Amino acid sequence: MMNGNGNTKYLAWLATGSVVGAGLALLFAPQSGKQTRRDVRYLGKTVRHRSKKAFLEAGHQKDRLVRDISKRLGRQIDRGQQLTDDLRSALETGKGYLRKIKNS
């Protein structure tokens, strides 16, 4: 799984490659203007489709990352609560012991 920064770089390279590829296709196209326009429309649809797909995948990766972080944070919060409870219990035991010594 890529991190957020990797997704951004991937999408940037995808967009850059698409634009460069489209430009080169136009420059070196040995066909009529009508055919070139048709190809450009097709290329535009293809780029739009790929961009939507990449955007959706980035969204899914973000959702998985948020879920994973939430689970980890939940476990850490539970652990912190358990440690706090253990410390509170140890302090109460210590207070009881000190009272017992003081009253002896």
Protein backbone atom coordinates (compact mmCIF):
# COMPACT_ATOMS: atom_id res chain seq x y z
CA MET A 1 0.00 0.00 0.00
CA MET A 2 1.34 3.43 -0.92
CA ASN A 3 1.33 6.25 1.55
CA GLY A 4 -0.41 9.56 0.85
CA ASN A 5 2.73 11.14 -0.60
CA GLY A 6 3.22 8.15 -2.94
CA ASN A 7 -0.36 8.48 -4.19
CA THR A 8 0.16 12.15 -4.98
CA LYS A 9 3.37 11.41 -6.87
CA TYR A 10 1.69 8.55 -8.76
CA LEU A 11 -1.22 10.76 -9.81
CA ALA A 12 1.13 13.57 -10.83
CA TRP A 13 3.21 11.20 -12.98
CA LEU A 14 0.04 9.71 -14.46
CA ALA A 15 -1.28 13.13 -15.46
CA THR A 16 2.12 14.27 -16.78
CA GLY A 17 2.56 11.11 -18.83
CA SER A 18 -0.93 11.43 -20.25
CA VAL A 19 -0.37 15.03 -21.35
CA VAL A 20 3.06 14.30 -22.83
CA GLY A 21 1.72 11.22 -24.63
CA ALA A 22 -1.20 13.18 -26.06
CA GLY A 23 1.10 15.94 -27.26
CA LEU A 24 3.48 13.52 -28.94
CA ALA A 25 0.58 11.70 -30.58
CA LEU A 26 -0.66 14.97 -32.06
CA LEU A 27 2.79 15.97 -33.30
CA PHE A 28 3.54 12.68 -35.01
CA ALA A 29 0.07 11.72 -36.23
CA PRO A 30 0.13 10.93 -39.97
CA GLN A 31 -3.63 11.09 -40.31
CA SER A 32 -6.41 13.49 -41.19
CA GLY A 33 -7.65 16.22 -38.88
CA LYS A 34 -10.95 14.39 -38.48
CA GLN A 35 -9.20 11.19 -37.39
CA THR A 36 -6.88 13.16 -35.10
CA ARG A 37 -9.87 14.86 -33.43
CA ARG A 38 -11.52 11.46 -32.96
CA ASP A 39 -8.30 10.11 -31.44
CA VAL A 40 -8.00 13.14 -29.16
CA ARG A 41 -11.59 12.61 -27.93
CA TYR A 42 -10.84 8.95 -27.30
CA LEU A 43 -7.62 9.83 -25.51
CA GLY A 44 -9.47 12.41 -23.41
CA LYS A 45 -12.06 9.81 -22.40
CA THR A 46 -9.31 7.32 -21.60
CA VAL A 47 -7.41 9.84 -19.48
CA ARG A 48 -10.62 10.84 -17.69
CA HIS A 49 -11.43 7.19 -16.99
CA ARG A 50 -7.93 6.44 -15.70
CA SER A 51 -7.94 9.59 -13.59
CA LYS A 52 -11.28 8.67 -12.01
CA LYS A 53 -10.00 5.15 -11.36
CA ALA A 54 -6.79 6.47 -9.76
CA PHE A 55 -8.78 8.99 -7.71
CA LEU A 56 -11.12 6.25 -6.46
CA GLU A 57 -8.18 4.00 -5.58
CA ALA A 58 -6.51 6.85 -3.70
CA GLY A 59 -9.77 7.35 -1.80
CA HIS A 60 -9.94 3.66 -0.92
CA GLN A 61 -6.34 3.72 0.27
CA LYS A 62 -7.12 6.78 2.38
CA ASP A 63 -10.11 4.99 3.91
CA ARG A 64 -7.99 1.92 4.72
CA LEU A 65 -5.32 4.13 6.27
CA VAL A 66 -7.87 5.99 8.42
CA ARG A 67 -9.39 2.66 9.55
CA ASP A 68 -5.94 1.28 10.41
CA ILE A 69 -4.92 4.40 12.35
CA SER A 70 -8.25 4.43 14.20
CA LYS A 71 -7.78 0.80 15.27
CA ARG A 72 -4.23 1.46 16.42
CA LEU A 73 -5.24 4.56 18.33
CA GLY A 74 -8.12 2.68 19.94
CA ARG A 75 -5.73 -0.04 21.12
CA GLN A 76 -3.30 2.54 22.49
CA ILE A 77 -6.08 4.39 24.29
CA ASP A 78 -7.25 1.10 25.84
CA ARG A 79 -3.67 0.32 26.88
CA GLY A 80 -3.28 3.80 28.39
CA GLN A 81 -6.54 3.36 30.30
CA GLN A 82 -5.37 -0.02 31.63
CA LEU A 83 -2.03 1.45 32.73
CA THR A 84 -3.86 4.34 34.42
CA ASP A 85 -6.14 1.90 36.24
CA ASP A 86 -3.14 -0.22 37.30
CA LEU A 87 -1.32 2.87 38.58
CA ARG A 88 -4.39 4.06 40.46
CA SER A 89 -4.72 0.62 42.07
CA ALA A 90 -1.02 0.58 43.01
CA LEU A 91 -1.32 4.06 44.57
CA GLU A 92 -4.36 3.02 46.59
CA THR A 93 -2.48 -0.09 47.79
CA GLY A 94 0.47 2.10 48.73
CA LYS A 95 -1.77 4.55 50.62
CA GLY A 96 -3.34 1.68 52.53
CA TYR A 97 0.07 0.31 53.42
CA LEU A 98 1.27 3.75 54.62
CA ARG A 99 -1.87 4.21 56.74
CA LYS A 100 -1.33 0.79 58.26
CA ILE A 101 2.29 1.68 59.13
CA LYS A 102 1.25 5.08 60.52
CA ASN A 103 -1.44 3.59 62.76
CA SER A 104 0.81 0.81 64.05
